Amino acid sequence: MRSRVLLVSTVLLGLLLFACGESQSPDQIWSEARKLSENEEHRAALETYQQILEMEAVSDTLLAKTHFTMADIYLNKRKKFQQALDHYRTVSENYGASRWGPKAQFMIGYVYANHIHDYDKAKTEYQTFLDIYPTHELVEAVNFELNYLGEDLDKIDQLKFLQSAEMPSEQGTDDAN
């Protein structure tokens, strides 16, 4: 009997200590992951963002933002295109109505077009974007991508104009007048 009371007491004490332990909120974990990413510690940032995905009671907004951010890290910092696509697709399919949904669908097409060079899949994904988000602000960018799918950027006249418009003038400007 005495050993049973001791066992129950030990278990209750353990539960009490566990419950009183300092656990971080999803927002605190987000901030920690963001700092890691800003410090170019991308692997640690991805692991920290993953903690948010594994938590319960996380808002859909934060889940969408976390998946999108992880996709961006996989795409731009790690060059792991399939992992990026997986996270973008999760956002598009599960959080399509969020502010991140249209951006994720655009990025799926963008990754296929500009990194994987699978133009058929890119076209399909861009068309999906147009079907789902026909009035979104990215429609113009999607149409541009579709019009020049697979073309050499140096041969696109519109981009040449933009590049020359961004070049500083050789003579400079006189702001004093």
Protein backbone atom coordinates (compact mmCIF):
# COMPACT_ATOMS: atom_id res chain seq x y z
CA MET A 1 0.00 0.00 0.00
CA ARG A 2 2.79 2.36 0.96
CA SER A 3 4.63 1.76 -2.33
CA ARG A 4 1.40 2.45 -4.24
CA VAL A 5 0.95 5.82 -2.51
CA LEU A 6 4.59 6.63 -3.18
CA LEU A 7 4.17 5.73 -6.87
CA VAL A 8 1.01 7.85 -7.24
CA SER A 9 2.67 10.75 -5.43
CA THR A 10 5.72 10.54 -7.67
CA VAL A 11 3.59 10.49 -10.81
CA LEU A 12 1.50 13.44 -9.62
CA LEU A 13 4.63 15.40 -8.70
CA GLY A 14 6.10 14.67 -12.13
CA LEU A 15 2.93 15.82 -13.86
CA LEU A 16 2.85 18.98 -11.76
CA LEU A 17 6.46 19.80 -12.57
CA PHE A 18 5.87 19.10 -16.27
CA ALA A 19 2.76 21.30 -16.35
CA CYS A 20 4.55 24.15 -14.59
CA GLY A 21 7.53 24.01 -16.92
CA GLU A 22 8.01 26.97 -19.19
CA SER A 23 6.69 26.12 -22.62
CA GLN A 24 6.93 28.58 -25.44
CA SER A 25 3.94 29.86 -27.33
CA PRO A 26 3.80 29.42 -31.11
CA ASP A 27 4.52 33.14 -31.50
CA GLN A 28 7.61 32.89 -29.29
CA ILE A 29 8.85 29.93 -31.32
CA TRP A 30 8.15 31.90 -34.53
CA SER A 31 10.29 34.78 -33.24
CA GLU A 32 13.09 32.39 -32.33
CA ALA A 33 12.98 30.76 -35.78
CA ARG A 34 12.94 34.16 -37.47
CA LYS A 35 16.08 35.23 -35.60
CA LEU A 36 17.83 32.02 -36.56
CA SER A 37 16.95 32.60 -40.20
CA GLU A 38 18.12 36.21 -40.07
CA ASN A 39 21.44 34.94 -38.70
CA GLU A 40 21.73 32.56 -41.69
CA GLU A 41 21.17 29.53 -39.43
CA HIS A 42 18.67 28.05 -41.85
CA ARG A 43 18.80 24.42 -40.74
CA ALA A 44 18.11 25.41 -37.14
CA ALA A 45 15.41 27.81 -38.31
CA LEU A 46 13.67 25.04 -40.26
CA GLU A 47 13.81 22.75 -37.22
CA THR A 48 12.35 25.50 -35.06
CA TYR A 49 9.58 26.29 -37.56
CA GLN A 50 8.81 22.56 -37.63
CA GLN A 51 8.06 22.76 -33.90
CA ILE A 52 5.18 25.12 -34.71
CA LEU A 53 3.77 22.66 -37.22
CA GLU A 54 3.83 19.92 -34.58
CA MET A 55 2.03 21.97 -31.92
CA GLU A 56 -1.65 21.79 -31.16
CA ALA A 57 -3.98 24.78 -31.20
CA VAL A 58 -1.95 26.86 -33.64
CA SER A 59 -3.93 29.33 -35.73
CA ASP A 60 -4.39 28.62 -39.43
CA THR A 61 -2.79 31.98 -40.18
CA LEU A 62 0.39 31.04 -38.34
CA LEU A 63 0.43 27.56 -39.88
CA ALA A 64 0.10 29.01 -43.39
CA LYS A 65 2.80 31.60 -42.70
CA THR A 66 5.10 28.94 -41.23
CA HIS A 67 4.72 26.60 -44.20
CA PHE A 68 5.25 29.51 -46.61
CA THR A 69 8.35 30.70 -44.78
CA MET A 70 9.79 27.20 -44.68
CA ALA A 71 9.14 26.88 -48.42
CA ASP A 72 11.03 30.12 -49.03
CA ILE A 73 14.00 28.89 -47.02
CA TYR A 74 14.05 25.57 -48.87
CA LEU A 75 13.81 27.39 -52.20
CA ASN A 76 16.15 30.32 -51.75
CA LYS A 77 18.64 29.22 -49.10
CA ARG A 78 18.79 25.44 -49.38
CA LYS A 79 17.92 24.95 -53.09
CA LYS A 80 15.73 21.99 -52.14
CA PHE A 81 12.98 22.48 -54.66
CA GLN A 82 10.81 19.49 -53.81
CA GLN A 83 10.66 20.44 -50.13
CA ALA A 84 9.77 23.98 -51.16
CA LEU A 85 7.02 22.69 -53.43
CA ASP A 86 5.67 20.46 -50.67
CA HIS A 87 5.30 23.40 -48.28
CA TYR A 88 3.88 25.74 -50.93
CA ARG A 89 1.38 23.04 -51.90
CA THR A 90 0.33 22.58 -48.27
CA VAL A 91 -0.43 26.28 -48.09
CA SER A 92 -2.26 26.31 -51.41
CA GLU A 93 -4.38 23.26 -50.63
CA ASN A 94 -5.06 23.77 -46.92
CA TYR A 95 -4.95 27.54 -46.51
CA GLY A 96 -5.91 28.74 -49.99
CA ALA A 97 -8.27 31.39 -48.62
CA SER A 98 -5.53 32.93 -46.49
CA ARG A 99 -3.32 35.77 -47.74
CA TRP A 100 -0.61 33.12 -48.24
CA GLY A 101 -2.70 30.84 -50.49
CA PRO A 102 -2.46 32.78 -53.77
CA LYS A 103 1.22 33.51 -53.23
CA ALA A 104 1.90 29.83 -52.61
CA GLN A 105 0.03 28.79 -55.76
CA PHE A 106 2.01 31.35 -57.76
CA MET A 107 5.26 30.08 -56.29
CA ILE A 108 4.45 26.49 -57.25
CA GLY A 109 4.28 27.55 -60.88
CA TYR A 110 7.35 29.74 -60.45
CA VAL A 111 9.46 26.89 -59.03
CA TYR A 112 8.46 24.56 -61.86
CA ALA A 113 9.17 27.25 -64.48
CA ASN A 114 12.32 28.88 -63.17
CA HIS A 115 14.08 26.24 -61.10
CA ILE A 116 12.96 22.80 -62.25
CA HIS A 117 12.28 23.88 -65.87
CA ASP A 118 9.23 21.66 -66.18
CA TYR A 119 7.19 24.05 -68.31
CA ASP A 120 4.17 21.77 -68.66
CA LYS A 121 3.76 21.56 -64.88
CA ALA A 122 4.44 25.28 -64.57
CA LYS A 123 1.71 26.03 -67.11
CA THR A 124 -0.74 23.77 -65.27
CA GLU A 125 0.03 25.41 -61.92
CA TYR A 126 -0.23 28.93 -63.33
CA GLN A 127 -3.55 28.02 -64.94
CA THR A 128 -4.75 26.69 -61.58
CA PHE A 129 -3.83 30.07 -60.11
CA LEU A 130 -5.89 31.88 -62.76
CA ASP A 131 -8.84 29.55 -62.22
CA ILE A 132 -8.87 30.01 -58.44
CA TYR A 133 -7.76 33.64 -58.13
CA PRO A 134 -8.89 35.41 -61.35
CA THR A 135 -8.85 38.88 -59.80
CA HIS A 136 -5.78 38.62 -57.57
CA GLU A 137 -3.00 41.21 -57.91
CA LEU A 138 -0.59 38.48 -59.09
CA VAL A 139 -2.67 37.73 -62.22
CA GLU A 140 -0.49 40.10 -64.27
CA ALA A 141 2.67 38.32 -63.09
CA VAL A 142 1.12 34.92 -63.87
CA ASN A 143 0.19 36.05 -67.37
CA PHE A 144 3.71 37.40 -67.90
CA GLU A 145 5.19 34.07 -66.77
CA LEU A 146 2.83 32.16 -69.09
CA ASN A 147 3.63 34.42 -72.06
CA TYR A 148 7.38 33.94 -71.67
CA LEU A 149 7.51 30.42 -70.26
CA GLY A 150 10.87 28.84 -71.06
CA GLU A 151 12.31 31.87 -72.84
CA ASP A 152 15.76 33.28 -72.18
CA LEU A 153 15.39 36.35 -69.95
CA ASP A 154 17.93 38.26 -72.05
CA LYS A 155 15.65 37.94 -75.07
CA ILE A 156 12.52 39.39 -73.46
CA ASP A 157 12.17 42.96 -74.72
CA GLN A 158 10.05 44.06 -71.75
CA LEU A 159 12.81 43.07 -69.36
CA LYS A 160 15.45 44.89 -71.40
CA PHE A 161 13.39 48.05 -71.06
CA LEU A 162 13.10 47.55 -67.30
CA GLN A 163 16.82 46.89 -66.97
CA SER A 164 17.70 50.06 -68.88
CA ALA A 165 15.18 52.08 -66.83
CA GLU A 166 16.85 50.88 -63.63
CA MET A 167 20.37 51.75 -64.83
CA PRO A 168 21.68 55.03 -63.42
CA SER A 169 22.21 57.79 -65.92
CA GLU A 170 25.80 58.37 -66.97
CA GLN A 171 25.38 62.11 -66.76
CA GLY A 172 23.55 62.07 -63.43
CA THR A 173 20.84 64.48 -62.40
CA ASP A 174 21.01 67.89 -60.93
CA ASP A 175 18.68 67.98 -57.93
CA ALA A 176 19.49 71.63 -57.19
CA ASN A 177 17.29 72.99 -60.01
